[in-house]
Amino acid sequence: MIKTIYRLPVYWASPLISDDYSGINDMEKAEIRKFLEKVEGSPVSVDFTTEGFYHYNDAGTLAGNCADFLFIKD
């Protein structure tokens, strides 16, 4: 099992972890899908203790409120 941590926008938690895209607009959905196409593994959890404002994230989106997401590949 390979574990990878990505720093991503915190509002991605619901779509990535619960597959709940309500409240996400079409442009945001496209950003999430584009990110998922280029990474390996599946998102399984979010470490909210890392939540805060970051000037960068692994999705390449604008600076904002982010947290570390754990992805696992079997």
PDB file of N, CA and C in Angstrom:
ATOM      1  N   MET A   1       0.841  -1.167   0.000  1.00  0.00           N
ATOM      2  CA  MET A   1       0.000   0.000   0.000  1.00  0.00           C
ATOM      3  C   MET A   1       0.893   1.238   0.000  1.00  0.00           C
ATOM      4  N   ILE A   2       0.582   2.171  -0.881  1.00  0.00           N
ATOM      5  CA  ILE A   2       1.337   3.421  -0.979  1.00  0.00           C
ATOM      6  C   ILE A   2       0.459   4.561  -0.457  1.00  0.00           C
ATOM      7  N   LYS A   3       1.002   5.318   0.501  1.00  0.00           N
ATOM      8  CA  LYS A   3       0.291   6.457   1.072  1.00  0.00           C
ATOM      9  C   LYS A   3       0.937   7.740   0.577  1.00  0.00           C
ATOM     10  N   THR A   4       0.105   8.673   0.137  1.00  0.00           N
ATOM     11  CA  THR A   4       0.588   9.969  -0.332  1.00  0.00           C
ATOM     12  C   THR A   4      -0.268  11.055   0.294  1.00  0.00           C
ATOM     13  N   ILE A   5       0.375  12.131   0.699  1.00  0.00           N
ATOM     14  CA  ILE A   5      -0.351  13.260   1.272  1.00  0.00           C
ATOM     15  C   ILE A   5      -0.275  14.435   0.306  1.00  0.00           C
ATOM     16  N   TYR A   6      -1.440  15.005   0.033  1.00  0.00           N
ATOM     17  CA  TYR A   6      -1.540  16.179  -0.826  1.00  0.00           C
ATOM     18  C   TYR A   6      -2.180  17.304  -0.038  1.00  0.00           C
ATOM     19  N   ARG A   7      -1.642  18.493  -0.171  1.00  0.00           N
ATOM     20  CA  ARG A   7      -2.266  19.682   0.416  1.00  0.00           C
ATOM     21  C   ARG A   7      -3.245  20.218  -0.615  1.00  0.00           C
ATOM     22  N   LEU A   8      -4.523  20.255  -0.224  1.00  0.00           N
ATOM     23  CA  LEU A   8      -5.590  20.630  -1.153  1.00  0.00           C
ATOM     24  C   LEU A   8      -6.569  21.594  -0.490  1.00  0.00           C
ATOM     25  N   PRO A   9      -7.357  22.301  -1.301  1.00  0.00           N
ATOM     26  CA  PRO A   9      -8.375  23.187  -0.729  1.00  0.00           C
ATOM     27  C   PRO A   9      -9.292  22.404   0.206  1.00  0.00           C
ATOM     28  N   VAL A  10      -9.553  22.969   1.358  1.00  0.00           N
ATOM     29  CA  VAL A  10     -10.331  22.260   2.372  1.00  0.00           C
ATOM     30  C   VAL A  10     -11.762  22.004   1.908  1.00  0.00           C
ATOM     31  N   TYR A  11     -12.313  22.872   1.032  1.00  0.00           N
ATOM     32  CA  TYR A  11     -13.681  22.656   0.572  1.00  0.00           C
ATOM     33  C   TYR A  11     -13.787  21.453  -0.371  1.00  0.00           C
ATOM     34  N   TRP A  12     -12.646  20.870  -0.749  1.00  0.00           N
ATOM     35  CA  TRP A  12     -12.658  19.643  -1.543  1.00  0.00           C
ATOM     36  C   TRP A  12     -12.948  18.408  -0.689  1.00  0.00           C
ATOM     37  N   ALA A  13     -12.968  18.538   0.621  1.00  0.00           N
ATOM     38  CA  ALA A  13     -13.136  17.381   1.506  1.00  0.00           C
ATOM     39  C   ALA A  13     -14.427  16.623   1.215  1.00  0.00           C
ATOM     40  N   SER A  14     -15.517  17.300   1.118  1.00  0.00           N
ATOM     41  CA  SER A  14     -16.792  16.618   0.890  1.00  0.00           C
ATOM     42  C   SER A  14     -16.836  15.900  -0.462  1.00  0.00           C
ATOM     43  N   PRO A  15     -16.419  16.557  -1.551  1.00  0.00           N
ATOM     44  CA  PRO A  15     -16.419  15.832  -2.833  1.00  0.00           C
ATOM     45  C   PRO A  15     -15.442  14.650  -2.848  1.00  0.00           C
ATOM     46  N   LEU A  16     -14.254  14.834  -2.284  1.00  0.00           N
ATOM     47  CA  LEU A  16     -13.251  13.769  -2.361  1.00  0.00           C
ATOM     48  C   LEU A  16     -13.518  12.621  -1.400  1.00  0.00           C
ATOM     49  N   ILE A  17     -13.932  12.912  -0.197  1.00  0.00           N
ATOM     50  CA  ILE A  17     -14.097  11.873   0.817  1.00  0.00           C
ATOM     51  C   ILE A  17     -15.496  11.257   0.772  1.00  0.00           C
ATOM     52  N   SER A  18     -16.519  12.080   0.572  1.00  0.00           N
ATOM     53  CA  SER A  18     -17.908  11.592   0.614  1.00  0.00           C
ATOM     54  C   SER A  18     -18.577  11.514  -0.749  1.00  0.00           C
ATOM     55  N   ASP A  19     -17.858  11.913  -1.803  1.00  0.00           N
ATOM     56  CA  ASP A  19     -18.416  11.965  -3.160  1.00  0.00           C
ATOM     57  C   ASP A  19     -19.669  12.842  -3.210  1.00  0.00           C
ATOM     58  N   ASP A  20     -19.659  13.921  -2.414  1.00  0.00           N
ATOM     59  CA  ASP A  20     -20.781  14.853  -2.340  1.00  0.00           C
ATOM     60  C   ASP A  20     -20.361  16.166  -2.993  1.00  0.00           C
ATOM     61  N   TYR A  21     -20.830  16.379  -4.206  1.00  0.00           N
ATOM     62  CA  TYR A  21     -20.462  17.563  -4.961  1.00  0.00           C
ATOM     63  C   TYR A  21     -21.489  18.688  -4.838  1.00  0.00           C
ATOM     64  N   SER A  22     -22.448  18.569  -3.922  1.00  0.00           N
ATOM     65  CA  SER A  22     -23.420  19.647  -3.745  1.00  0.00           C
ATOM     66  C   SER A  22     -22.682  20.889  -3.240  1.00  0.00           C
ATOM     67  N   GLY A  23     -23.028  22.029  -3.782  1.00  0.00           N
ATOM     68  CA  GLY A  23     -22.372  23.268  -3.398  1.00  0.00           C
ATOM     69  C   GLY A  23     -21.085  23.546  -4.153  1.00  0.00           C
ATOM     70  N   ILE A  24     -20.688  22.639  -5.032  1.00  0.00           N
ATOM     71  CA  ILE A  24     -19.481  22.824  -5.848  1.00  0.00           C
ATOM     72  C   ILE A  24     -19.921  23.210  -7.260  1.00  0.00           C
ATOM     73  N   ASN A  25     -19.376  24.308  -7.779  1.00  0.00           N
ATOM     74  CA  ASN A  25     -19.783  24.724  -9.127  1.00  0.00           C
ATOM     75  C   ASN A  25     -19.034  23.918 -10.190  1.00  0.00           C
ATOM     76  N   ASP A  26     -19.438  24.098 -11.433  1.00  0.00           N
ATOM     77  CA  ASP A  26     -18.875  23.309 -12.538  1.00  0.00           C
ATOM     78  C   ASP A  26     -17.370  23.518 -12.707  1.00  0.00           C
ATOM     79  N   MET A  27     -16.897  24.743 -12.505  1.00  0.00           N
ATOM     80  CA  MET A  27     -15.468  25.008 -12.641  1.00  0.00           C
ATOM     81  C   MET A  27     -14.679  24.287 -11.543  1.00  0.00           C
ATOM     82  N   GLU A  28     -15.213  24.295 -10.337  1.00  0.00           N
ATOM     83  CA  GLU A  28     -14.558  23.594  -9.230  1.00  0.00           C
ATOM     84  C   GLU A  28     -14.567  22.078  -9.460  1.00  0.00           C
ATOM     85  N   LYS A  29     -15.668  21.554  -9.968  1.00  0.00           N
ATOM     86  CA  LYS A  29     -15.738  20.122 -10.293  1.00  0.00           C
ATOM     87  C   LYS A  29     -14.670  19.757 -11.310  1.00  0.00           C
ATOM     88  N   ALA A  30     -14.503  20.613 -12.308  1.00  0.00           N
ATOM     89  CA  ALA A  30     -13.493  20.359 -13.339  1.00  0.00           C
ATOM     90  C   ALA A  30     -12.090  20.368 -12.733  1.00  0.00           C
ATOM     91  N   GLU A  31     -11.805  21.286 -11.811  1.00  0.00           N
ATOM     92  CA  GLU A  31     -10.496  21.334 -11.144  1.00  0.00           C
ATOM     93  C   GLU A  31     -10.244  20.047 -10.365  1.00  0.00           C
ATOM     94  N   ILE A  32     -11.263  19.580  -9.648  1.00  0.00           N
ATOM     95  CA  ILE A  32     -11.125  18.360  -8.852  1.00  0.00           C
ATOM     96  C   ILE A  32     -10.886  17.171  -9.768  1.00  0.00           C
ATOM     97  N   ARG A  33     -11.659  17.049 -10.816  1.00  0.00           N
ATOM     98  CA  ARG A  33     -11.502  15.916 -11.745  1.00  0.00           C
ATOM     99  C   ARG A  33     -10.137  15.943 -12.428  1.00  0.00           C
ATOM    100  N   LYS A  34      -9.679  17.130 -12.807  1.00  0.00           N
ATOM    101  CA  LYS A  34      -8.361  17.266 -13.433  1.00  0.00           C
ATOM    102  C   LYS A  34      -7.267  16.806 -12.474  1.00  0.00           C
ATOM    103  N   PHE A  35      -7.377  17.196 -11.206  1.00  0.00           N
ATOM    104  CA  PHE A  35      -6.398  16.772 -10.210  1.00  0.00           C
ATOM    105  C   PHE A  35      -6.426  15.256 -10.042  1.00  0.00           C
ATOM    106  N   LEU A  36      -7.618  14.670  -9.941  1.00  0.00           N
ATOM    107  CA  LEU A  36      -7.735  13.223  -9.730  1.00  0.00           C
ATOM    108  C   LEU A  36      -7.181  12.414 -10.901  1.00  0.00           C
ATOM    109  N   GLU A  37      -7.236  12.975 -12.105  1.00  0.00           N
ATOM    110  CA  GLU A  37      -6.698  12.285 -13.286  1.00  0.00           C
ATOM    111  C   GLU A  37      -5.178  12.172 -13.240  1.00  0.00           C
ATOM    112  N   LYS A  38      -4.518  13.098 -12.593  1.00  0.00           N
ATOM    113  CA  LYS A  38      -3.051  13.096 -12.617  1.00  0.00           C
ATOM    114  C   LYS A  38      -2.403  12.473 -11.383  1.00  0.00           C
ATOM    115  N   VAL A  39      -3.186  12.142 -10.360  1.00  0.00           N
ATOM    116  CA  VAL A  39      -2.608  11.540  -9.157  1.00  0.00           C
ATOM    117  C   VAL A  39      -2.955  10.055  -9.083  1.00  0.00           C
ATOM    118  N   GLU A  40      -2.179   9.351  -8.278  1.00  0.00           N
ATOM    119  CA  GLU A  40      -2.445   7.934  -8.080  1.00  0.00           C
ATOM    120  C   GLU A  40      -3.099   7.740  -6.724  1.00  0.00           C
ATOM    121  N   GLY A  41      -3.972   6.764  -6.653  1.00  0.00           N
ATOM    122  CA  GLY A  41      -4.614   6.448  -5.394  1.00  0.00           C
ATOM    123  C   GLY A  41      -5.960   7.121  -5.237  1.00  0.00           C
ATOM    124  N   SER A  42      -6.565   6.849  -4.105  1.00  0.00           N
ATOM    125  CA  SER A  42      -7.885   7.379  -3.789  1.00  0.00           C
ATOM    126  C   SER A  42      -7.826   8.123  -2.462  1.00  0.00           C
ATOM    127  N   PRO A  43      -8.584   9.215  -2.351  1.00  0.00           N
ATOM    128  CA  PRO A  43      -8.598   9.967  -1.107  1.00  0.00           C
ATOM    129  C   PRO A  43      -9.347   9.192  -0.022  1.00  0.00           C
ATOM    130  N   VAL A  44      -8.777   9.139   1.181  1.00  0.00           N
ATOM    131  CA  VAL A  44      -9.422   8.397   2.266  1.00  0.00           C
ATOM    132  C   VAL A  44      -9.674   9.229   3.518  1.00  0.00           C
ATOM    133  N   SER A  45      -8.889  10.289   3.725  1.00  0.00           N
ATOM    134  CA  SER A  45      -9.115  11.099   4.926  1.00  0.00           C
ATOM    135  C   SER A  45      -8.483  12.477   4.776  1.00  0.00           C
ATOM    136  N   VAL A  46      -8.867  13.353   5.710  1.00  0.00           N
ATOM    137  CA  VAL A  46      -8.346  14.717   5.752  1.00  0.00           C
ATOM    138  C   VAL A  46      -7.817  14.971   7.162  1.00  0.00           C
ATOM    139  N   ASP A  47      -6.629  15.540   7.245  1.00  0.00           N
ATOM    140  CA  ASP A  47      -6.055  15.900   8.538  1.00  0.00           C
ATOM    141  C   ASP A  47      -6.389  17.365   8.796  1.00  0.00           C
ATOM    142  N   PHE A  48      -7.503  17.613   9.480  1.00  0.00           N
ATOM    143  CA  PHE A  48      -7.942  18.985   9.703  1.00  0.00           C
ATOM    144  C   PHE A  48      -7.050  19.751  10.674  1.00  0.00           C
ATOM    145  N   THR A  49      -6.137  19.061  11.357  1.00  0.00           N
ATOM    146  CA  THR A  49      -5.194  19.779  12.217  1.00  0.00           C
ATOM    147  C   THR A  49      -4.199  20.588  11.391  1.00  0.00           C
ATOM    148  N   THR A  50      -4.099  20.286  10.092  1.00  0.00           N
ATOM    149  CA  THR A  50      -3.195  21.019   9.203  1.00  0.00           C
ATOM    150  C   THR A  50      -3.908  22.162   8.493  1.00  0.00           C
ATOM    151  N   GLU A  51      -5.197  22.324   8.755  1.00  0.00           N
ATOM    152  CA  GLU A  51      -5.988  23.339   8.068  1.00  0.00           C
ATOM    153  C   GLU A  51      -5.472  24.735   8.382  1.00  0.00           C
ATOM    154  N   GLY A  52      -5.361  25.537   7.320  1.00  0.00           N
ATOM    155  CA  GLY A  52      -4.926  26.914   7.475  1.00  0.00           C
ATOM    156  C   GLY A  52      -4.763  27.564   6.119  1.00  0.00           C
ATOM    157  N   PHE A  53      -4.374  28.814   6.127  1.00  0.00           N
ATOM    158  CA  PHE A  53      -4.151  29.530   4.874  1.00  0.00           C
ATOM    159  C   PHE A  53      -2.773  29.173   4.338  1.00  0.00           C
ATOM    160  N   TYR A  54      -2.744  28.751   3.076  1.00  0.00           N
ATOM    161  CA  TYR A  54      -1.477  28.418   2.415  1.00  0.00           C
ATOM    162  C   TYR A  54      -1.396  29.176   1.097  1.00  0.00           C
ATOM    163  N   HIS A  55      -0.192  29.595   0.764  1.00  0.00           N
ATOM    164  CA  HIS A  55       0.030  30.324  -0.482  1.00  0.00           C
ATOM    165  C   HIS A  55       0.102  29.394  -1.686  1.00  0.00           C
ATOM    166  N   TYR A  56       0.195  28.107  -1.447  1.00  0.00           N
ATOM    167  CA  TYR A  56       0.278  27.122  -2.523  1.00  0.00           C
ATOM    168  C   TYR A  56      -0.470  25.859  -2.090  1.00  0.00           C
ATOM    169  N   ASN A  57      -0.793  25.032  -3.063  1.00  0.00           N
ATOM    170  CA  ASN A  57      -1.335  23.705  -2.765  1.00  0.00           C
ATOM    171  C   ASN A  57      -0.984  22.780  -3.922  1.00  0.00           C
ATOM    172  N   ASP A  58      -1.191  21.501  -3.735  1.00  0.00           N
ATOM    173  CA  ASP A  58      -0.796  20.520  -4.744  1.00  0.00           C
ATOM    174  C   ASP A  58      -1.725  20.475  -5.946  1.00  0.00           C
ATOM    175  N   ALA A  59      -2.859  21.145  -5.869  1.00  0.00           N
ATOM    176  CA  ALA A  59      -3.780  21.204  -7.008  1.00  0.00           C
ATOM    177  C   ALA A  59      -3.430  22.352  -7.942  1.00  0.00           C
ATOM    178  N   GLY A  60      -2.587  23.271  -7.475  1.00  0.00           N
ATOM    179  CA  GLY A  60      -2.203  24.414  -8.301  1.00  0.00           C
ATOM    180  C   GLY A  60      -3.271  25.485  -8.378  1.00  0.00           C
ATOM    181  N   THR A  61      -4.217  25.467  -7.445  1.00  0.00           N
ATOM    182  CA  THR A  61      -5.254  26.496  -7.433  1.00  0.00           C
ATOM    183  C   THR A  61      -4.747  27.709  -6.658  1.00  0.00           C
ATOM    184  N   LEU A  62      -5.571  28.725  -6.568  1.00  0.00           N
ATOM    185  CA  LEU A  62      -5.186  29.948  -5.872  1.00  0.00           C
ATOM    186  C   LEU A  62      -4.930  29.693  -4.392  1.00  0.00           C
ATOM    187  N   ALA A  63      -4.167  30.578  -3.794  1.00  0.00           N
ATOM    188  CA  ALA A  63      -3.911  30.500  -2.351  1.00  0.00           C
ATOM    189  C   ALA A  63      -5.234  30.510  -1.603  1.00  0.00           C
ATOM    190  N   GLY A  64      -5.270  29.792  -0.475  1.00  0.00           N
ATOM    191  CA  GLY A  64      -6.512  29.762   0.294  1.00  0.00           C
ATOM    192  C   GLY A  64      -6.444  28.781   1.441  1.00  0.00           C
ATOM    193  N   ASN A  65      -7.593  28.485   2.003  1.00  0.00           N
ATOM    194  CA  ASN A  65      -7.717  27.579   3.140  1.00  0.00           C
ATOM    195  C   ASN A  65      -7.543  26.139   2.662  1.00  0.00           C
ATOM    196  N   CYS A  66      -6.504  25.465   3.141  1.00  0.00           N
ATOM    197  CA  CYS A  66      -6.177  24.111   2.694  1.00  0.00           C
ATOM    198  C   CYS A  66      -5.921  23.198   3.891  1.00  0.00           C
ATOM    199  N   ALA A  67      -5.859  21.916   3.610  1.00  0.00           N
ATOM    200  CA  ALA A  67      -5.510  20.904   4.608  1.00  0.00           C
ATOM    201  C   ALA A  67      -4.826  19.758   3.886  1.00  0.00           C
ATOM    202  N   ASP A  68      -4.229  18.844   4.650  1.00  0.00           N
ATOM    203  CA  ASP A  68      -3.558  17.686   4.075  1.00  0.00           C
ATOM    204  C   ASP A  68      -4.543  16.525   3.927  1.00  0.00           C
ATOM    205  N   PHE A  69      -4.594  15.966   2.723  1.00  0.00           N
ATOM    206  CA  PHE A  69      -5.471  14.848   2.388  1.00  0.00           C
ATOM    207  C   PHE A  69      -4.612  13.604   2.193  1.00  0.00           C
ATOM    208  N   LEU A  70      -5.038  12.493   2.765  1.00  0.00           N
ATOM    209  CA  LEU A  70      -4.343  11.221   2.609  1.00  0.00           C
ATOM    210  C   LEU A  70      -4.963  10.447   1.460  1.00  0.00           C
ATOM    211  N   PHE A  71      -4.117  10.051   0.498  1.00  0.00           N
ATOM    212  CA  PHE A  71      -4.520   9.195  -0.622  1.00  0.00           C
ATOM    213  C   PHE A  71      -3.812   7.858  -0.459  1.00  0.00           C
ATOM    214  N   ILE A  72      -4.504   6.774  -0.789  1.00  0.00           N
ATOM    215  CA  ILE A  72      -3.925   5.435  -0.688  1.00  0.00           C
ATOM    216  C   ILE A  72      -4.080   4.709  -2.015  1.00  0.00           C
ATOM    217  N   LYS A  73      -2.996   4.056  -2.402  1.00  0.00           N
ATOM    218  CA  LYS A  73      -3.016   3.217  -3.613  1.00  0.00           C
ATOM    219  C   LYS A  73      -2.609   1.795  -3.180  1.00  0.00           C
ATOM    220  N   ASP A  74      -3.447   0.835  -3.538  1.00  0.00           N
ATOM    221  CA  ASP A  74      -3.133  -0.575  -3.204  1.00  0.00           C
ATOM    222  C   ASP A  74      -2.098  -1.135  -4.126  1.00  0.00           C
TER     223      ASP A  74
END
